[in-house]
Amino acid sequence: MPDADAVYIPEVERTYADWLEKHRNGFVINAPKSGTQPMMWHQADCEHIQPFENTRLVEGDWLKACSLNAGTLAVWAMTYGRELHYCKDCRDMWLKEQRST
């Protein structure tokens, strides 16, 4: 079992897909490897970051920083130094869950 406080950055598509499958309650930041585009925060089960056919989600121009600990991932995001946005779909789902509890 991975360290819950670790940030994992998969380098190949298969290991990224495996992490998502095993950690549906985790968090993922989609970050550009270069340039100035902002990063995007997602819940691990978000459809926007799921592997699909031959997509290059981690072997292309973007990396995925993955963690089970939202606080640890937020600290990583601050050190990565890019603007961070939250996925609207993930935020809406989280708000809906909070209202139902």
PDB file of N, CA and C in Angstrom:
ATOM      1  N   MET A   1       0.849  -1.187   0.000  1.00  0.00           N
ATOM      2  CA  MET A   1       0.000   0.000   0.000  1.00  0.00           C
ATOM      3  C   MET A   1       0.887   1.240   0.000  1.00  0.00           C
ATOM      4  N   PRO A   2       0.604   2.214  -0.860  1.00  0.00           N
ATOM      5  CA  PRO A   2       1.448   3.406  -0.925  1.00  0.00           C
ATOM      6  C   PRO A   2       1.276   4.269   0.325  1.00  0.00           C
ATOM      7  N   ASP A   3       2.290   5.063   0.581  1.00  0.00           N
ATOM      8  CA  ASP A   3       2.242   6.017   1.686  1.00  0.00           C
ATOM      9  C   ASP A   3       1.127   7.022   1.408  1.00  0.00           C
ATOM     10  N   ALA A   4       0.192   7.150   2.327  1.00  0.00           N
ATOM     11  CA  ALA A   4      -0.960   8.038   2.135  1.00  0.00           C
ATOM     12  C   ALA A   4      -0.553   9.497   2.015  1.00  0.00           C
ATOM     13  N   ASP A   5       0.626   9.845   2.524  1.00  0.00           N
ATOM     14  CA  ASP A   5       1.086  11.229   2.463  1.00  0.00           C
ATOM     15  C   ASP A   5       2.019  11.494   1.287  1.00  0.00           C
ATOM     16  N   ALA A   6       2.227  10.514   0.436  1.00  0.00           N
ATOM     17  CA  ALA A   6       3.144  10.677  -0.691  1.00  0.00           C
ATOM     18  C   ALA A   6       2.429  11.269  -1.900  1.00  0.00           C
ATOM     19  N   VAL A   7       3.217  11.928  -2.748  1.00  0.00           N
ATOM     20  CA  VAL A   7       2.738  12.358  -4.064  1.00  0.00           C
ATOM     21  C   VAL A   7       3.407  11.440  -5.077  1.00  0.00           C
ATOM     22  N   TYR A   8       2.615  10.801  -5.880  1.00  0.00           N
ATOM     23  CA  TYR A   8       3.088   9.853  -6.883  1.00  0.00           C
ATOM     24  C   TYR A   8       2.908  10.476  -8.257  1.00  0.00           C
ATOM     25  N   ILE A   9       3.977  10.468  -9.052  1.00  0.00           N
ATOM     26  CA  ILE A   9       3.914  11.010 -10.411  1.00  0.00           C
ATOM     27  C   ILE A   9       4.267   9.879 -11.382  1.00  0.00           C
ATOM     28  N   PRO A  10       3.241   9.223 -11.917  1.00  0.00           N
ATOM     29  CA  PRO A  10       3.487   8.108 -12.834  1.00  0.00           C
ATOM     30  C   PRO A  10       4.148   8.586 -14.126  1.00  0.00           C
ATOM     31  N   GLU A  11       5.018   7.747 -14.661  1.00  0.00           N
ATOM     32  CA  GLU A  11       5.751   8.112 -15.879  1.00  0.00           C
ATOM     33  C   GLU A  11       5.247   7.404 -17.124  1.00  0.00           C
ATOM     34  N   VAL A  12       4.445   6.359 -16.929  1.00  0.00           N
ATOM     35  CA  VAL A  12       3.892   5.629 -18.083  1.00  0.00           C
ATOM     36  C   VAL A  12       2.389   5.449 -17.887  1.00  0.00           C
ATOM     37  N   GLU A  13       1.701   5.293 -18.988  1.00  0.00           N
ATOM     38  CA  GLU A  13       0.240   5.228 -18.969  1.00  0.00           C
ATOM     39  C   GLU A  13      -0.290   4.080 -18.099  1.00  0.00           C
ATOM     40  N   ARG A  14       0.339   2.924 -18.177  1.00  0.00           N
ATOM     41  CA  ARG A  14      -0.150   1.748 -17.439  1.00  0.00           C
ATOM     42  C   ARG A  14      -0.119   1.976 -15.928  1.00  0.00           C
ATOM     43  N   THR A  15       0.967   2.566 -15.413  1.00  0.00           N
ATOM     44  CA  THR A  15       1.052   2.771 -13.968  1.00  0.00           C
ATOM     45  C   THR A  15       0.066   3.846 -13.517  1.00  0.00           C
ATOM     46  N   TYR A  16      -0.199   4.834 -14.367  1.00  0.00           N
ATOM     47  CA  TYR A  16      -1.211   5.842 -14.052  1.00  0.00           C
ATOM     48  C   TYR A  16      -2.594   5.184 -13.970  1.00  0.00           C
ATOM     49  N   ALA A  17      -2.927   4.372 -14.966  1.00  0.00           N
ATOM     50  CA  ALA A  17      -4.220   3.683 -14.977  1.00  0.00           C
ATOM     51  C   ALA A  17      -4.355   2.775 -13.756  1.00  0.00           C
ATOM     52  N   ASP A  18      -3.287   2.096 -13.383  1.00  0.00           N
ATOM     53  CA  ASP A  18      -3.316   1.229 -12.198  1.00  0.00           C
ATOM     54  C   ASP A  18      -3.569   2.039 -10.932  1.00  0.00           C
ATOM     55  N   TRP A  19      -2.895   3.192 -10.808  1.00  0.00           N
ATOM     56  CA  TRP A  19      -3.084   4.025  -9.616  1.00  0.00           C
ATOM     57  C   TRP A  19      -4.545   4.479  -9.521  1.00  0.00           C
ATOM     58  N   LEU A  20      -5.101   4.952 -10.626  1.00  0.00           N
ATOM     59  CA  LEU A  20      -6.503   5.397 -10.613  1.00  0.00           C
ATOM     60  C   LEU A  20      -7.445   4.270 -10.216  1.00  0.00           C
ATOM     61  N   GLU A  21      -7.208   3.095 -10.736  1.00  0.00           N
ATOM     62  CA  GLU A  21      -8.072   1.955 -10.456  1.00  0.00           C
ATOM     63  C   GLU A  21      -8.043   1.584  -8.970  1.00  0.00           C
ATOM     64  N   LYS A  22      -6.877   1.671  -8.365  1.00  0.00           N
ATOM     65  CA  LYS A  22      -6.716   1.270  -6.969  1.00  0.00           C
ATOM     66  C   LYS A  22      -7.057   2.373  -5.969  1.00  0.00           C
ATOM     67  N   HIS A  23      -7.131   3.623  -6.423  1.00  0.00           N
ATOM     68  CA  HIS A  23      -7.299   4.756  -5.506  1.00  0.00           C
ATOM     69  C   HIS A  23      -8.403   5.692  -5.971  1.00  0.00           C
ATOM     70  N   ARG A  24      -9.608   5.163  -6.122  1.00  0.00           N
ATOM     71  CA  ARG A  24     -10.741   5.948  -6.627  1.00  0.00           C
ATOM     72  C   ARG A  24     -11.088   7.130  -5.722  1.00  0.00           C
ATOM     73  N   ASN A  25     -10.665   7.082  -4.471  1.00  0.00           N
ATOM     74  CA  ASN A  25     -10.952   8.180  -3.543  1.00  0.00           C
ATOM     75  C   ASN A  25      -9.782   9.151  -3.420  1.00  0.00           C
ATOM     76  N   GLY A  26      -8.802   9.018  -4.295  1.00  0.00           N
ATOM     77  CA  GLY A  26      -7.635   9.900  -4.264  1.00  0.00           C
ATOM     78  C   GLY A  26      -7.863  11.189  -5.043  1.00  0.00           C
ATOM     79  N   PHE A  27      -6.762  11.905  -5.245  1.00  0.00           N
ATOM     80  CA  PHE A  27      -6.790  13.201  -5.920  1.00  0.00           C
ATOM     81  C   PHE A  27      -5.687  13.252  -6.969  1.00  0.00           C
ATOM     82  N   VAL A  28      -5.934  14.003  -8.042  1.00  0.00           N
ATOM     83  CA  VAL A  28      -4.967  14.111  -9.134  1.00  0.00           C
ATOM     84  C   VAL A  28      -4.891  15.565  -9.585  1.00  0.00           C
ATOM     85  N   ILE A  29      -3.678  16.048  -9.732  1.00  0.00           N
ATOM     86  CA  ILE A  29      -3.471  17.350 -10.351  1.00  0.00           C
ATOM     87  C   ILE A  29      -2.893  17.110 -11.733  1.00  0.00           C
ATOM     88  N   ASN A  30      -3.555  17.657 -12.725  1.00  0.00           N
ATOM     89  CA  ASN A  30      -3.101  17.603 -14.105  1.00  0.00           C
ATOM     90  C   ASN A  30      -2.274  18.863 -14.338  1.00  0.00           C
ATOM     91  N   ALA A  31      -0.970  18.692 -14.585  1.00  0.00           N
ATOM     92  CA  ALA A  31      -0.070  19.845 -14.672  1.00  0.00           C
ATOM     93  C   ALA A  31       0.754  19.801 -15.951  1.00  0.00           C
ATOM     94  N   PRO A  32       0.936  20.950 -16.587  1.00  0.00           N
ATOM     95  CA  PRO A  32       1.767  20.988 -17.783  1.00  0.00           C
ATOM     96  C   PRO A  32       3.229  20.737 -17.420  1.00  0.00           C
ATOM     97  N   LYS A  33       3.930  19.998 -18.271  1.00  0.00           N
ATOM     98  CA  LYS A  33       5.351  19.746 -18.033  1.00  0.00           C
ATOM     99  C   LYS A  33       6.180  20.987 -18.342  1.00  0.00           C
ATOM    100  N   SER A  34       5.665  21.852 -19.194  1.00  0.00           N
ATOM    101  CA  SER A  34       6.342  23.117 -19.515  1.00  0.00           C
ATOM    102  C   SER A  34       5.279  24.134 -19.904  1.00  0.00           C
ATOM    103  N   GLY A  35       5.700  25.364 -20.098  1.00  0.00           N
ATOM    104  CA  GLY A  35       4.747  26.402 -20.465  1.00  0.00           C
ATOM    105  C   GLY A  35       4.159  27.077 -19.247  1.00  0.00           C
ATOM    106  N   THR A  36       3.101  27.825 -19.476  1.00  0.00           N
ATOM    107  CA  THR A  36       2.509  28.605 -18.390  1.00  0.00           C
ATOM    108  C   THR A  36       1.041  28.266 -18.124  1.00  0.00           C
ATOM    109  N   GLN A  37       0.531  27.213 -18.745  1.00  0.00           N
ATOM    110  CA  GLN A  37      -0.866  26.853 -18.529  1.00  0.00           C
ATOM    111  C   GLN A  37      -1.092  26.522 -17.054  1.00  0.00           C
ATOM    112  N   PRO A  38      -2.301  26.770 -16.556  1.00  0.00           N
ATOM    113  CA  PRO A  38      -2.605  26.432 -15.164  1.00  0.00           C
ATOM    114  C   PRO A  38      -2.759  24.919 -14.979  1.00  0.00           C
ATOM    115  N   MET A  39      -2.640  24.504 -13.736  1.00  0.00           N
ATOM    116  CA  MET A  39      -2.875  23.119 -13.363  1.00  0.00           C
ATOM    117  C   MET A  39      -4.360  22.954 -13.058  1.00  0.00           C
ATOM    118  N   MET A  40      -4.825  21.700 -13.085  1.00  0.00           N
ATOM    119  CA  MET A  40      -6.226  21.418 -12.792  1.00  0.00           C
ATOM    120  C   MET A  40      -6.308  20.310 -11.743  1.00  0.00           C
ATOM    121  N   TRP A  41      -7.073  20.583 -10.676  1.00  0.00           N
ATOM    122  CA  TRP A  41      -7.271  19.642  -9.572  1.00  0.00           C
ATOM    123  C   TRP A  41      -8.498  18.780  -9.862  1.00  0.00           C
ATOM    124  N   HIS A  42      -8.346  17.465  -9.723  1.00  0.00           N
ATOM    125  CA  HIS A  42      -9.443  16.523  -9.966  1.00  0.00           C
ATOM    126  C   HIS A  42      -9.532  15.505  -8.838  1.00  0.00           C
ATOM    127  N   GLN A  43     -10.697  14.934  -8.665  1.00  0.00           N
ATOM    128  CA  GLN A  43     -10.834  13.732  -7.868  1.00  0.00           C
ATOM    129  C   GLN A  43     -10.432  12.581  -8.784  1.00  0.00           C
ATOM    130  N   ALA A  44      -9.873  11.525  -8.214  1.00  0.00           N
ATOM    131  CA  ALA A  44      -9.331  10.434  -9.031  1.00  0.00           C
ATOM    132  C   ALA A  44     -10.376   9.760  -9.906  1.00  0.00           C
ATOM    133  N   ASP A  45     -11.638   9.832  -9.530  1.00  0.00           N
ATOM    134  CA  ASP A  45     -12.673   9.193 -10.345  1.00  0.00           C
ATOM    135  C   ASP A  45     -13.270  10.119 -11.403  1.00  0.00           C
ATOM    136  N   CYS A  46     -12.705  11.296 -11.585  1.00  0.00           N
ATOM    137  CA  CYS A  46     -13.205  12.253 -12.582  1.00  0.00           C
ATOM    138  C   CYS A  46     -13.024  11.699 -14.000  1.00  0.00           C
ATOM    139  N   GLU A  47     -14.068  11.789 -14.782  1.00  0.00           N
ATOM    140  CA  GLU A  47     -13.998  11.272 -16.153  1.00  0.00           C
ATOM    141  C   GLU A  47     -13.011  12.039 -17.035  1.00  0.00           C
ATOM    142  N   HIS A  48     -12.679  13.268 -16.686  1.00  0.00           N
ATOM    143  CA  HIS A  48     -11.762  14.067 -17.512  1.00  0.00           C
ATOM    144  C   HIS A  48     -10.329  13.555 -17.510  1.00  0.00           C
ATOM    145  N   ILE A  49      -9.968  12.767 -16.515  1.00  0.00           N
ATOM    146  CA  ILE A  49      -8.572  12.317 -16.403  1.00  0.00           C
ATOM    147  C   ILE A  49      -8.435  10.807 -16.525  1.00  0.00           C
ATOM    148  N   GLN A  50      -9.494  10.138 -16.976  1.00  0.00           N
ATOM    149  CA  GLN A  50      -9.461   8.681 -17.109  1.00  0.00           C
ATOM    150  C   GLN A  50      -8.800   8.285 -18.430  1.00  0.00           C
ATOM    151  N   PRO A  51      -8.016   7.212 -18.391  1.00  0.00           N
ATOM    152  CA  PRO A  51      -7.422   6.696 -19.631  1.00  0.00           C
ATOM    153  C   PRO A  51      -8.511   6.314 -20.629  1.00  0.00           C
ATOM    154  N   PHE A  52      -8.259   6.610 -21.897  1.00  0.00           N
ATOM    155  CA  PHE A  52      -9.216   6.306 -22.947  1.00  0.00           C
ATOM    156  C   PHE A  52      -8.451   5.951 -24.210  1.00  0.00           C
ATOM    157  N   GLU A  53      -8.645   4.732 -24.668  1.00  0.00           N
ATOM    158  CA  GLU A  53      -7.998   4.230 -25.882  1.00  0.00           C
ATOM    159  C   GLU A  53      -6.508   4.552 -25.884  1.00  0.00           C
ATOM    160  N   ASN A  54      -6.038   5.330 -26.826  1.00  0.00           N
ATOM    161  CA  ASN A  54      -4.603   5.593 -26.952  1.00  0.00           C
ATOM    162  C   ASN A  54      -4.200   6.989 -26.474  1.00  0.00           C
ATOM    163  N   THR A  55      -4.951   7.547 -25.543  1.00  0.00           N
ATOM    164  CA  THR A  55      -4.599   8.874 -25.049  1.00  0.00           C
ATOM    165  C   THR A  55      -3.264   8.821 -24.318  1.00  0.00           C
ATOM    166  N   ARG A  56      -2.538   9.911 -24.397  1.00  0.00           N
ATOM    167  CA  ARG A  56      -1.247  10.020 -23.711  1.00  0.00           C
ATOM    168  C   ARG A  56      -1.426  11.017 -22.565  1.00  0.00           C
ATOM    169  N   LEU A  57      -1.833  10.502 -21.446  1.00  0.00           N
ATOM    170  CA  LEU A  57      -2.147  11.359 -20.306  1.00  0.00           C
ATOM    171  C   LEU A  57      -0.917  11.710 -19.473  1.00  0.00           C
ATOM    172  N   VAL A  58       0.084  10.845 -19.442  1.00  0.00           N
ATOM    173  CA  VAL A  58       1.294  11.137 -18.666  1.00  0.00           C
ATOM    174  C   VAL A  58       2.563  11.079 -19.514  1.00  0.00           C
ATOM    175  N   GLU A  59       2.486  10.492 -20.675  1.00  0.00           N
ATOM    176  CA  GLU A  59       3.664  10.383 -21.537  1.00  0.00           C
ATOM    177  C   GLU A  59       3.739  11.513 -22.556  1.00  0.00           C
ATOM    178  N   GLY A  60       2.791  12.432 -22.489  1.00  0.00           N
ATOM    179  CA  GLY A  60       2.763  13.559 -23.404  1.00  0.00           C
ATOM    180  C   GLY A  60       3.248  14.832 -22.744  1.00  0.00           C
ATOM    181  N   ASP A  61       2.526  15.921 -22.944  1.00  0.00           N
ATOM    182  CA  ASP A  61       2.925  17.242 -22.460  1.00  0.00           C
ATOM    183  C   ASP A  61       2.465  17.550 -21.048  1.00  0.00           C
ATOM    184  N   TRP A  62       1.713  16.649 -20.444  1.00  0.00           N
ATOM    185  CA  TRP A  62       1.157  16.878 -19.108  1.00  0.00           C
ATOM    186  C   TRP A  62       1.591  15.766 -18.177  1.00  0.00           C
ATOM    187  N   LEU A  63       1.718  16.093 -16.902  1.00  0.00           N
ATOM    188  CA  LEU A  63       1.980  15.076 -15.889  1.00  0.00           C
ATOM    189  C   LEU A  63       0.794  15.007 -14.953  1.00  0.00           C
ATOM    190  N   LYS A  64       0.709  13.908 -14.232  1.00  0.00           N
ATOM    191  CA  LYS A  64      -0.348  13.715 -13.241  1.00  0.00           C
ATOM    192  C   LYS A  64       0.321  13.519 -11.889  1.00  0.00           C
ATOM    193  N   ALA A  65       0.062  14.420 -10.959  1.00  0.00           N
ATOM    194  CA  ALA A  65       0.528  14.281  -9.583  1.00  0.00           C
ATOM    195  C   ALA A  65      -0.630  13.678  -8.806  1.00  0.00           C
ATOM    196  N   CYS A  66      -0.415  12.522  -8.210  1.00  0.00           N
ATOM    197  CA  CYS A  66      -1.480  11.749  -7.577  1.00  0.00           C
ATOM    198  C   CYS A  66      -1.196  11.590  -6.087  1.00  0.00           C
ATOM    199  N   SER A  67      -2.237  11.659  -5.277  1.00  0.00           N
ATOM    200  CA  SER A  67      -2.069  11.445  -3.846  1.00  0.00           C
ATOM    201  C   SER A  67      -3.393  11.061  -3.207  1.00  0.00           C
ATOM    202  N   LEU A  68      -3.287  10.361  -2.090  1.00  0.00           N
ATOM    203  CA  LEU A  68      -4.455  10.050  -1.273  1.00  0.00           C
ATOM    204  C   LEU A  68      -4.716  11.163  -0.272  1.00  0.00           C
ATOM    205  N   ASN A  69      -3.756  12.063  -0.100  1.00  0.00           N
ATOM    206  CA  ASN A  69      -3.835  13.139   0.881  1.00  0.00           C
ATOM    207  C   ASN A  69      -3.954  14.482   0.156  1.00  0.00           C
ATOM    208  N   ALA A  70      -5.105  15.121   0.269  1.00  0.00           N
ATOM    209  CA  ALA A  70      -5.342  16.394  -0.416  1.00  0.00           C
ATOM    210  C   ALA A  70      -4.373  17.475   0.048  1.00  0.00           C
ATOM    211  N   GLY A  71      -4.049  17.504   1.339  1.00  0.00           N
ATOM    212  CA  GLY A  71      -3.126  18.511   1.865  1.00  0.00           C
ATOM    213  C   GLY A  71      -1.734  18.362   1.293  1.00  0.00           C
ATOM    214  N   THR A  72      -1.240  17.136   1.229  1.00  0.00           N
ATOM    215  CA  THR A  72       0.081  16.875   0.661  1.00  0.00           C
ATOM    216  C   THR A  72       0.115  17.290  -0.804  1.00  0.00           C
ATOM    217  N   LEU A  73      -0.952  16.990  -1.522  1.00  0.00           N
ATOM    218  CA  LEU A  73      -1.009  17.350  -2.939  1.00  0.00           C
ATOM    219  C   LEU A  73      -1.072  18.865  -3.114  1.00  0.00           C
ATOM    220  N   ALA A  74      -1.769  19.556  -2.225  1.00  0.00           N
ATOM    221  CA  ALA A  74      -1.830  21.019  -2.290  1.00  0.00           C
ATOM    222  C   ALA A  74      -0.450  21.629  -2.069  1.00  0.00           C
ATOM    223  N   VAL A  75       0.315  21.080  -1.138  1.00  0.00           N
ATOM    224  CA  VAL A  75       1.683  21.567  -0.908  1.00  0.00           C
ATOM    225  C   VAL A  75       2.527  21.334  -2.157  1.00  0.00           C
ATOM    226  N   TRP A  76       2.400  20.160  -2.766  1.00  0.00           N
ATOM    227  CA  TRP A  76       3.134  19.886  -4.008  1.00  0.00           C
ATOM    228  C   TRP A  76       2.771  20.927  -5.064  1.00  0.00           C
ATOM    229  N   ALA A  77       1.496  21.240  -5.189  1.00  0.00           N
ATOM    230  CA  ALA A  77       1.043  22.208  -6.197  1.00  0.00           C
ATOM    231  C   ALA A  77       1.677  23.576  -5.966  1.00  0.00           C
ATOM    232  N   MET A  78       1.794  23.998  -4.716  1.00  0.00           N
ATOM    233  CA  MET A  78       2.416  25.298  -4.426  1.00  0.00           C
ATOM    234  C   MET A  78       3.882  25.302  -4.849  1.00  0.00           C
ATOM    235  N   THR A  79       4.571  24.201  -4.639  1.00  0.00           N
ATOM    236  CA  THR A  79       5.986  24.155  -5.007  1.00  0.00           C
ATOM    237  C   THR A  79       6.173  24.025  -6.514  1.00  0.00           C
ATOM    238  N   TYR A  80       5.170  23.482  -7.214  1.00  0.00           N
ATOM    239  CA  TYR A  80       5.269  23.354  -8.670  1.00  0.00           C
ATOM    240  C   TYR A  80       5.157  24.715  -9.348  1.00  0.00           C
ATOM    241  N   GLY A  81       4.504  25.647  -8.691  1.00  0.00           N
ATOM    242  CA  GLY A  81       4.541  27.036  -9.106  1.00  0.00           C
ATOM    243  C   GLY A  81       3.659  27.463 -10.259  1.00  0.00           C
ATOM    244  N   ARG A  82       2.552  26.797 -10.467  1.00  0.00           N
ATOM    245  CA  ARG A  82       1.622  27.222 -11.507  1.00  0.00           C
ATOM    246  C   ARG A  82       0.278  27.536 -10.885  1.00  0.00           C
ATOM    247  N   GLU A  83      -0.491  28.340 -11.558  1.00  0.00           N
ATOM    248  CA  GLU A  83      -1.852  28.634 -11.105  1.00  0.00           C
ATOM    249  C   GLU A  83      -2.636  27.317 -11.042  1.00  0.00           C
ATOM    250  N   LEU A  84      -3.459  27.158 -10.013  1.00  0.00           N
ATOM    251  CA  LEU A  84      -4.220  25.928  -9.822  1.00  0.00           C
ATOM    252  C   LEU A  84      -5.704  26.226  -9.901  1.00  0.00           C
ATOM    253  N   HIS A  85      -6.385  25.526 -10.785  1.00  0.00           N
ATOM    254  CA  HIS A  85      -7.833  25.627 -10.918  1.00  0.00           C
ATOM    255  C   HIS A  85      -8.443  24.315 -10.445  1.00  0.00           C
ATOM    256  N   TYR A  86      -9.707  24.350 -10.088  1.00  0.00           N
ATOM    257  CA  TYR A  86     -10.415  23.148  -9.667  1.00  0.00           C
ATOM    258  C   TYR A  86     -11.382  22.738 -10.762  1.00  0.00           C
ATOM    259  N   CYS A  87     -11.394  21.476 -11.063  1.00  0.00           N
ATOM    260  CA  CYS A  87     -12.331  20.943 -12.055  1.00  0.00           C
ATOM    261  C   CYS A  87     -13.754  21.261 -11.600  1.00  0.00           C
ATOM    262  N   LYS A  88     -14.513  21.905 -12.453  1.00  0.00           N
ATOM    263  CA  LYS A  88     -15.880  22.284 -12.100  1.00  0.00           C
ATOM    264  C   LYS A  88     -16.731  21.054 -11.813  1.00  0.00           C
ATOM    265  N   ASP A  89     -16.572  19.995 -12.585  1.00  0.00           N
ATOM    266  CA  ASP A  89     -17.374  18.788 -12.366  1.00  0.00           C
ATOM    267  C   ASP A  89     -17.050  18.155 -11.017  1.00  0.00           C
ATOM    268  N   CYS A  90     -15.768  18.098 -10.656  1.00  0.00           N
ATOM    269  CA  CYS A  90     -15.377  17.528  -9.357  1.00  0.00           C
ATOM    270  C   CYS A  90     -15.901  18.389  -8.216  1.00  0.00           C
ATOM    271  N   ARG A  91     -15.767  19.693  -8.361  1.00  0.00           N
ATOM    272  CA  ARG A  91     -16.245  20.608  -7.323  1.00  0.00           C
ATOM    273  C   ARG A  91     -17.761  20.483  -7.146  1.00  0.00           C
ATOM    274  N   ASP A  92     -18.497  20.433  -8.245  1.00  0.00           N
ATOM    275  CA  ASP A  92     -19.953  20.301  -8.168  1.00  0.00           C
ATOM    276  C   ASP A  92     -20.353  18.986  -7.504  1.00  0.00           C
ATOM    277  N   MET A  93     -19.646  17.900  -7.827  1.00  0.00           N
ATOM    278  CA  MET A  93     -19.943  16.606  -7.218  1.00  0.00           C
ATOM    279  C   MET A  93     -19.655  16.645  -5.715  1.00  0.00           C
ATOM    280  N   TRP A  94     -18.528  17.242  -5.335  1.00  0.00           N
ATOM    281  CA  TRP A  94     -18.180  17.346  -3.924  1.00  0.00           C
ATOM    282  C   TRP A  94     -19.229  18.167  -3.168  1.00  0.00           C
ATOM    283  N   LEU A  95     -19.649  19.289  -3.740  1.00  0.00           N
ATOM    284  CA  LEU A  95     -20.663  20.112  -3.085  1.00  0.00           C
ATOM    285  C   LEU A  95     -21.975  19.358  -2.924  1.00  0.00           C
ATOM    286  N   LYS A  96     -22.347  18.596  -3.944  1.00  0.00           N
ATOM    287  CA  LYS A  96     -23.576  17.802  -3.887  1.00  0.00           C
ATOM    288  C   LYS A  96     -23.475  16.767  -2.771  1.00  0.00           C
ATOM    289  N   GLU A  97     -22.328  16.111  -2.653  1.00  0.00           N
ATOM    290  CA  GLU A  97     -22.122  15.123  -1.584  1.00  0.00           C
ATOM    291  C   GLU A  97     -22.203  15.780  -0.214  1.00  0.00           C
ATOM    292  N   GLN A  98     -21.632  16.970  -0.072  1.00  0.00           N
ATOM    293  CA  GLN A  98     -21.655  17.667   1.210  1.00  0.00           C
ATOM    294  C   GLN A  98     -23.060  18.055   1.615  1.00  0.00           C
ATOM    295  N   ARG A  99     -23.865  18.434   0.662  1.00  0.00           N
ATOM    296  CA  ARG A  99     -25.253  18.833   0.960  1.00  0.00           C
ATOM    297  C   ARG A  99     -26.105  17.649   1.379  1.00  0.00           C
ATOM    298  N   SER A 100     -25.775  16.461   0.874  1.00  0.00           N
ATOM    299  CA  SER A 100     -26.595  15.279   1.177  1.00  0.00           C
ATOM    300  C   SER A 100     -26.213  14.632   2.507  1.00  0.00           C
ATOM    301  N   THR A 101     -25.133  15.067   3.132  1.00  0.00           N
ATOM    302  CA  THR A 101     -24.743  14.469   4.411  1.00  0.00           C
ATOM    303  C   THR A 101     -25.280  15.228   5.597  1.00  0.00           C
TER     304      THR A 101
END
